[in-house]
């Protein structure tokens, strides 16, 4: 159950425009670096590398914020669901007890009626002529 929730969370995150943008930026930067590797000198490469690292770090922080927001929402909804379930359970238990009480009282009443009818129907002894 938790695995499916995690998979759903990952799927929702991967559908996010911000996440797609970050992935696209990283892929673009990677291809740009591969094209310019031969022409760049060491100083330019270091400068570009630092620039890329900054962009990736910023994108990672943005992604982490997005994930945190989703996790907070999931936890909040889970808490609300648990509260609702416990309230429903209390109501169900109360109704069950009430119904059992009603059924029990009906059984007692029907038993008393049956006993009274049995007493009334008891055959009377007739005087027989000798």
N, C-alpha and C. Protein backbone atom coordinates (compact mmCIF):
# COMPACT_ATOMS: atom_id res chain seq x y z
N UNK A 1 0.83 -1.18 0.00
CA UNK A 1 0.00 0.00 0.00
C UNK A 1 0.87 1.25 0.00
N UNK A 2 1.91 1.26 0.86
CA UNK A 2 2.79 2.42 0.91
C UNK A 2 3.59 2.54 -0.39
N UNK A 3 3.94 1.40 -0.98
CA UNK A 3 4.69 1.41 -2.23
C UNK A 3 3.87 2.05 -3.34
N UNK A 4 2.60 1.73 -3.39
CA UNK A 4 1.76 2.32 -4.43
C UNK A 4 1.60 3.82 -4.22
N UNK A 5 1.54 4.24 -2.96
CA UNK A 5 1.44 5.68 -2.68
C UNK A 5 2.72 6.39 -3.10
N UNK A 6 3.86 5.76 -2.86
CA UNK A 6 5.15 6.35 -3.25
C UNK A 6 5.23 6.42 -4.77
N UNK A 7 4.79 5.36 -5.44
CA UNK A 7 4.81 5.36 -6.90
C UNK A 7 3.90 6.44 -7.45
N UNK A 8 2.74 6.62 -6.84
CA UNK A 8 1.83 7.67 -7.26
C UNK A 8 2.46 9.04 -7.04
N UNK A 9 3.12 9.23 -5.90
CA UNK A 9 3.78 10.49 -5.60
C UNK A 9 4.88 10.78 -6.63
N UNK A 10 5.67 9.76 -6.95
CA UNK A 10 6.74 9.92 -7.95
C UNK A 10 6.14 10.25 -9.31
N UNK A 11 5.05 9.59 -9.64
CA UNK A 11 4.41 9.85 -10.93
C UNK A 11 3.88 11.27 -10.98
N UNK A 12 3.26 11.74 -9.91
CA UNK A 12 2.75 13.11 -9.88
C UNK A 12 3.88 14.12 -9.97
N UNK A 13 4.98 13.83 -9.28
CA UNK A 13 6.13 14.73 -9.34
C UNK A 13 6.73 14.76 -10.74
N UNK A 14 6.78 13.61 -11.39
CA UNK A 14 7.36 13.57 -12.72
C UNK A 14 6.47 14.27 -13.74
N UNK A 15 5.19 14.40 -13.44
CA UNK A 15 4.29 15.11 -14.33
C UNK A 15 4.34 16.62 -14.12
N UNK A 16 4.96 17.06 -13.04
CA UNK A 16 5.04 18.48 -12.72
C UNK A 16 5.87 19.22 -13.77
N UNK A 17 5.41 20.38 -14.16
CA UNK A 17 6.12 21.19 -15.16
C UNK A 17 7.49 21.62 -14.64
N UNK A 18 7.59 21.91 -13.36
CA UNK A 18 8.88 22.32 -12.80
C UNK A 18 9.90 21.20 -12.90
N UNK A 19 9.45 19.99 -12.59
CA UNK A 19 10.35 18.84 -12.66
C UNK A 19 10.78 18.60 -14.10
N UNK A 20 9.84 18.69 -15.03
CA UNK A 20 10.17 18.50 -16.44
C UNK A 20 11.16 19.57 -16.90
N UNK A 21 10.98 20.79 -16.41
CA UNK A 21 11.87 21.89 -16.78
C UNK A 21 13.27 21.62 -16.26
N UNK A 22 13.37 21.15 -15.01
CA UNK A 22 14.68 20.85 -14.42
C UNK A 22 15.37 19.75 -15.22
N UNK A 23 14.64 18.71 -15.55
CA UNK A 23 15.22 17.61 -16.33
C UNK A 23 15.67 18.11 -17.69
N UNK A 24 14.83 18.92 -18.32
CA UNK A 24 15.19 19.48 -19.64
C UNK A 24 16.42 20.36 -19.56
N UNK A 25 16.50 21.19 -18.51
CA UNK A 25 17.67 22.06 -18.33
C UNK A 25 18.94 21.23 -18.17
N UNK A 26 18.86 20.19 -17.36
CA UNK A 26 20.03 19.34 -17.13
C UNK A 26 20.46 18.66 -18.43
N UNK A 27 19.50 18.17 -19.18
CA UNK A 27 19.84 17.51 -20.44
C UNK A 27 20.44 18.50 -21.44
N UNK A 28 19.87 19.71 -21.49
CA UNK A 28 20.40 20.74 -22.38
C UNK A 28 21.83 21.11 -22.00
N UNK A 29 22.02 21.30 -20.70
CA UNK A 29 23.36 21.64 -20.23
C UNK A 29 24.36 20.52 -20.53
N UNK A 30 23.92 19.30 -20.36
CA UNK A 30 24.79 18.16 -20.63
C UNK A 30 25.19 18.12 -22.10
N UNK A 31 24.23 18.31 -22.98
CA UNK A 31 24.57 18.29 -24.40
C UNK A 31 25.44 19.47 -24.78
N UNK A 32 25.17 20.65 -24.18
CA UNK A 32 26.02 21.82 -24.45
C UNK A 32 27.46 21.57 -24.02
N UNK A 33 27.62 20.96 -22.87
CA UNK A 33 28.96 20.67 -22.36
C UNK A 33 29.67 19.69 -23.29
N UNK A 34 28.96 18.68 -23.70
CA UNK A 34 29.58 17.68 -24.57
C UNK A 34 30.02 18.29 -25.90
N UNK A 35 29.25 19.26 -26.41
CA UNK A 35 29.62 19.91 -27.67
C UNK A 35 30.83 20.82 -27.50
N UNK A 36 30.90 21.50 -26.36
CA UNK A 36 31.95 22.51 -26.19
C UNK A 36 33.17 22.02 -25.45
N UNK A 37 33.18 20.76 -25.04
CA UNK A 37 34.31 20.22 -24.28
C UNK A 37 35.62 20.41 -25.02
N UNK A 38 35.62 20.19 -26.30
CA UNK A 38 36.87 20.26 -27.07
C UNK A 38 37.36 21.69 -27.23
N UNK A 39 36.45 22.65 -27.28
CA UNK A 39 36.86 24.03 -27.55
C UNK A 39 37.13 24.85 -26.29
N UNK A 40 36.63 24.43 -25.18
CA UNK A 40 36.82 25.21 -23.94
C UNK A 40 38.21 25.00 -23.36
N UNK A 41 38.71 26.05 -22.80
CA UNK A 41 39.95 25.86 -22.06
C UNK A 41 39.59 25.56 -20.61
N UNK A 42 40.55 25.31 -19.80
CA UNK A 42 40.32 24.87 -18.42
C UNK A 42 39.58 25.91 -17.59
N UNK A 43 39.97 27.18 -17.70
CA UNK A 43 39.31 28.23 -16.90
C UNK A 43 37.84 28.37 -17.27
N UNK A 44 37.58 28.35 -18.54
CA UNK A 44 36.18 28.46 -18.98
C UNK A 44 35.38 27.23 -18.54
N UNK A 45 36.02 26.08 -18.59
CA UNK A 45 35.34 24.85 -18.19
C UNK A 45 34.98 24.89 -16.70
N UNK A 46 35.92 25.38 -15.90
CA UNK A 46 35.66 25.49 -14.45
C UNK A 46 34.54 26.48 -14.19
N UNK A 47 34.56 27.60 -14.89
CA UNK A 47 33.52 28.62 -14.72
C UNK A 47 32.15 28.06 -15.14
N UNK A 48 32.11 27.38 -16.25
CA UNK A 48 30.87 26.78 -16.73
C UNK A 48 30.39 25.69 -15.77
N UNK A 49 31.35 24.91 -15.29
CA UNK A 49 31.01 23.85 -14.35
C UNK A 49 30.37 24.44 -13.09
N UNK A 50 30.96 25.50 -12.56
CA UNK A 50 30.41 26.15 -11.36
C UNK A 50 29.02 26.72 -11.65
N UNK A 51 28.86 27.28 -12.82
CA UNK A 51 27.56 27.83 -13.20
C UNK A 51 26.51 26.72 -13.28
N UNK A 52 26.90 25.61 -13.85
CA UNK A 52 25.98 24.47 -13.96
C UNK A 52 25.64 23.93 -12.58
N UNK A 53 26.65 23.83 -11.73
CA UNK A 53 26.42 23.32 -10.39
C UNK A 53 25.44 24.23 -9.64
N UNK A 54 25.57 25.53 -9.82
CA UNK A 54 24.64 26.47 -9.17
C UNK A 54 23.22 26.25 -9.68
N UNK A 55 23.09 26.10 -10.98
CA UNK A 55 21.75 25.89 -11.56
C UNK A 55 21.15 24.58 -11.07
N UNK A 56 21.96 23.55 -11.05
CA UNK A 56 21.47 22.25 -10.59
C UNK A 56 21.10 22.30 -9.11
N UNK A 57 21.92 22.97 -8.31
CA UNK A 57 21.62 23.09 -6.89
C UNK A 57 20.31 23.84 -6.66
N UNK A 58 20.12 24.92 -7.41
CA UNK A 58 18.89 25.69 -7.28
C UNK A 58 17.69 24.85 -7.70
N UNK A 59 17.84 24.14 -8.80
CA UNK A 59 16.75 23.28 -9.27
C UNK A 59 16.46 22.18 -8.26
N UNK A 60 17.50 21.64 -7.66
CA UNK A 60 17.33 20.60 -6.65
C UNK A 60 16.58 21.14 -5.43
N UNK A 61 16.94 22.35 -5.00
CA UNK A 61 16.24 22.97 -3.87
C UNK A 61 14.77 23.20 -4.22
N UNK A 62 14.51 23.68 -5.43
CA UNK A 62 13.13 23.90 -5.85
C UNK A 62 12.35 22.58 -5.85
N UNK A 63 12.98 21.55 -6.35
CA UNK A 63 12.34 20.24 -6.38
C UNK A 63 12.08 19.73 -4.96
N UNK A 64 13.04 19.94 -4.07
CA UNK A 64 12.89 19.51 -2.68
C UNK A 64 11.73 20.25 -2.01
N UNK A 65 11.59 21.53 -2.31
CA UNK A 65 10.46 22.31 -1.77
C UNK A 65 9.14 21.75 -2.28
N UNK A 66 9.12 21.44 -3.56
CA UNK A 66 7.90 20.89 -4.18
C UNK A 66 7.53 19.56 -3.51
N UNK A 67 8.51 18.70 -3.32
CA UNK A 67 8.27 17.40 -2.69
C UNK A 67 7.78 17.60 -1.25
N UNK A 68 8.39 18.53 -0.54
CA UNK A 68 7.98 18.79 0.84
C UNK A 68 6.53 19.26 0.90
N UNK A 69 6.14 20.11 -0.03
CA UNK A 69 4.76 20.59 -0.05
C UNK A 69 3.79 19.43 -0.28
N UNK A 70 4.15 18.54 -1.21
CA UNK A 70 3.27 17.40 -1.50
C UNK A 70 3.19 16.48 -0.29
N UNK A 71 4.30 16.24 0.37
CA UNK A 71 4.32 15.36 1.55
C UNK A 71 3.45 15.96 2.66
N UNK A 72 3.56 17.26 2.87
CA UNK A 72 2.74 17.92 3.90
C UNK A 72 1.25 17.76 3.57
N UNK A 73 0.90 17.94 2.30
CA UNK A 73 -0.50 17.78 1.90
C UNK A 73 -0.98 16.35 2.13
N UNK A 74 -0.14 15.38 1.79
CA UNK A 74 -0.52 13.98 1.97
C UNK A 74 -0.70 13.66 3.45
N UNK A 75 0.21 14.13 4.29
CA UNK A 75 0.11 13.88 5.72
C UNK A 75 -1.15 14.53 6.29
N UNK A 76 -1.44 15.74 5.86
CA UNK A 76 -2.61 16.45 6.35
C UNK A 76 -3.89 15.71 5.97
N UNK A 77 -3.96 15.27 4.73
CA UNK A 77 -5.17 14.56 4.30
C UNK A 77 -5.29 13.21 5.02
N UNK A 78 -4.16 12.56 5.27
CA UNK A 78 -4.19 11.28 6.00
C UNK A 78 -4.71 11.49 7.42
N UNK A 79 -4.28 12.56 8.05
CA UNK A 79 -4.74 12.87 9.41
C UNK A 79 -6.23 13.13 9.42
N UNK A 80 -6.70 13.90 8.45
CA UNK A 80 -8.13 14.19 8.36
C UNK A 80 -8.94 12.91 8.13
N UNK A 81 -8.42 12.04 7.28
CA UNK A 81 -9.11 10.78 7.00
C UNK A 81 -9.19 9.92 8.26
N UNK A 82 -8.09 9.86 9.01
CA UNK A 82 -8.08 9.07 10.24
C UNK A 82 -9.10 9.62 11.24
N UNK A 83 -9.18 10.96 11.36
CA UNK A 83 -10.17 11.56 12.26
C UNK A 83 -11.58 11.20 11.82
N UNK A 84 -11.83 11.31 10.52
CA UNK A 84 -13.16 10.98 10.02
C UNK A 84 -13.49 9.51 10.26
N UNK A 85 -12.53 8.63 10.04
CA UNK A 85 -12.77 7.21 10.24
C UNK A 85 -13.09 6.89 11.71
N UNK A 86 -12.36 7.53 12.61
CA UNK A 86 -12.64 7.28 14.03
C UNK A 86 -14.01 7.82 14.42
N UNK A 87 -14.41 8.95 13.86
CA UNK A 87 -15.74 9.49 14.14
C UNK A 87 -16.81 8.55 13.61
N UNK A 88 -16.61 8.03 12.39
CA UNK A 88 -17.57 7.10 11.82
C UNK A 88 -17.65 5.81 12.64
N UNK A 89 -16.50 5.37 13.13
CA UNK A 89 -16.47 4.15 13.93
C UNK A 89 -17.26 4.35 15.22
N UNK A 90 -17.08 5.50 15.87
CA UNK A 90 -17.81 5.79 17.11
C UNK A 90 -19.32 5.80 16.84
N UNK A 91 -19.72 6.44 15.73
CA UNK A 91 -21.14 6.48 15.40
C UNK A 91 -21.68 5.07 15.15
N UNK A 92 -20.91 4.27 14.43
CA UNK A 92 -21.34 2.90 14.12
C UNK A 92 -21.47 2.06 15.38
N UNK A 93 -20.53 2.20 16.30
CA UNK A 93 -20.59 1.45 17.56
C UNK A 93 -21.79 1.88 18.37
N UNK A 94 -22.06 3.19 18.40
CA UNK A 94 -23.21 3.69 19.15
C UNK A 94 -24.51 3.15 18.54
N UNK A 95 -24.61 3.17 17.22
CA UNK A 95 -25.81 2.65 16.57
C UNK A 95 -25.96 1.15 16.80
N UNK A 96 -24.85 0.43 16.78
CA UNK A 96 -24.90 -1.01 17.02
C UNK A 96 -25.42 -1.29 18.42
N UNK A 97 -24.91 -0.55 19.41
CA UNK A 97 -25.36 -0.74 20.78
C UNK A 97 -26.84 -0.42 20.91
N UNK A 98 -27.27 0.63 20.27
CA UNK A 98 -28.68 1.02 20.33
C UNK A 98 -29.57 -0.04 19.70
N UNK A 99 -29.16 -0.55 18.55
CA UNK A 99 -29.93 -1.59 17.86
C UNK A 99 -29.97 -2.86 18.70
N UNK A 100 -28.84 -3.24 19.29
CA UNK A 100 -28.81 -4.43 20.14
C UNK A 100 -29.73 -4.26 21.33
N UNK A 101 -29.77 -3.09 21.90
CA UNK A 101 -30.64 -2.81 23.04
C UNK A 101 -32.10 -2.95 22.64
N UNK A 102 -32.44 -2.41 21.48
CA UNK A 102 -33.82 -2.50 20.98
C UNK A 102 -34.20 -3.96 20.74
N UNK A 103 -33.31 -4.70 20.09
CA UNK A 103 -33.59 -6.11 19.80
C UNK A 103 -33.74 -6.90 21.09
N UNK A 104 -32.88 -6.64 22.05
CA UNK A 104 -32.93 -7.34 23.32
C UNK A 104 -34.24 -7.05 24.04
N UNK A 105 -34.66 -5.80 24.03
CA UNK A 105 -35.91 -5.46 24.71
C UNK A 105 -37.10 -6.10 24.00
N UNK A 106 -37.06 -6.21 22.69
CA UNK A 106 -38.14 -6.86 21.96
C UNK A 106 -38.19 -8.35 22.28
N UNK A 107 -37.05 -8.97 22.43
CA UNK A 107 -37.01 -10.40 22.78
C UNK A 107 -37.62 -10.63 24.15
N UNK A 108 -37.31 -9.77 25.10
CA UNK A 108 -37.84 -9.92 26.44
C UNK A 108 -39.35 -9.75 26.42
N UNK A 109 -39.84 -8.75 25.67
CA UNK A 109 -41.27 -8.51 25.59
C UNK A 109 -41.97 -9.70 24.94
N UNK A 110 -41.42 -10.25 23.86
CA UNK A 110 -42.07 -11.38 23.18
C UNK A 110 -42.04 -12.63 24.06
N UNK A 111 -41.00 -12.84 24.84
CA UNK A 111 -40.94 -13.98 25.75
C UNK A 111 -42.02 -13.86 26.83
N UNK A 112 -42.19 -12.65 27.36
CA UNK A 112 -43.20 -12.43 28.40
C UNK A 112 -44.60 -12.70 27.83
N UNK A 113 -44.85 -12.24 26.62
CA UNK A 113 -46.15 -12.46 25.98
C UNK A 113 -46.38 -13.95 25.77
N UNK A 114 -45.38 -14.65 25.35
CA UNK A 114 -45.49 -16.09 25.11
C UNK A 114 -45.80 -16.82 26.40
N UNK A 115 -45.17 -16.42 27.49
CA UNK A 115 -45.41 -17.06 28.78
C UNK A 115 -46.84 -16.78 29.22
N UNK A 116 -47.30 -15.55 29.07
CA UNK A 116 -48.66 -15.20 29.47
C UNK A 116 -49.68 -15.99 28.65
N UNK A 117 -49.44 -16.10 27.34
CA UNK A 117 -50.35 -16.85 26.49
C UNK A 117 -50.36 -18.32 26.88
N UNK A 118 -49.21 -18.83 27.20
CA UNK A 118 -49.13 -20.24 27.60
C UNK A 118 -49.88 -20.47 28.89
N UNK A 119 -49.80 -19.53 29.80
CA UNK A 119 -50.51 -19.66 31.07
C UNK A 119 -52.01 -19.58 30.82
N UNK A 120 -52.43 -18.68 29.98
CA UNK A 120 -53.85 -18.53 29.69
C UNK A 120 -54.39 -19.74 28.94
N UNK A 121 -53.62 -20.34 28.11
CA UNK A 121 -54.08 -21.46 27.29
C UNK A 121 -54.02 -22.80 28.03
N UNK A 122 -53.50 -22.83 29.17
CA UNK A 122 -53.38 -24.08 29.90
C UNK A 122 -54.77 -24.71 30.04
N UNK A 123 -54.88 -25.94 29.74
CA UNK A 123 -56.21 -26.58 29.80
C UNK A 123 -56.71 -26.67 31.22
N UNK A 124 -57.97 -26.33 31.39
CA UNK A 124 -58.60 -26.40 32.71
C UNK A 124 -59.06 -27.86 32.93
N UNK A 125 -58.97 -28.28 34.14
CA UNK A 125 -59.40 -29.63 34.46
C UNK A 125 -60.92 -29.61 34.60
N UNK A 126 -61.54 -30.54 33.98
CA UNK A 126 -63.00 -30.63 34.05
C UNK A 126 -63.38 -31.69 35.07
N UNK A 127 -64.47 -31.40 35.65
CA UNK A 127 -64.98 -32.38 36.60
C UNK A 127 -65.59 -33.53 35.81
N UNK A 128 -65.21 -34.66 36.11
CA UNK A 128 -65.73 -35.82 35.38
C UNK A 128 -66.79 -36.50 36.25
N UNK A 129 -67.77 -36.99 35.66
CA UNK A 129 -68.83 -37.66 36.40
C UNK A 129 -68.44 -39.09 36.72
N UNK A 130 -68.63 -39.39 37.98
CA UNK A 130 -68.29 -40.75 38.38
C UNK A 130 -69.49 -41.58 38.39
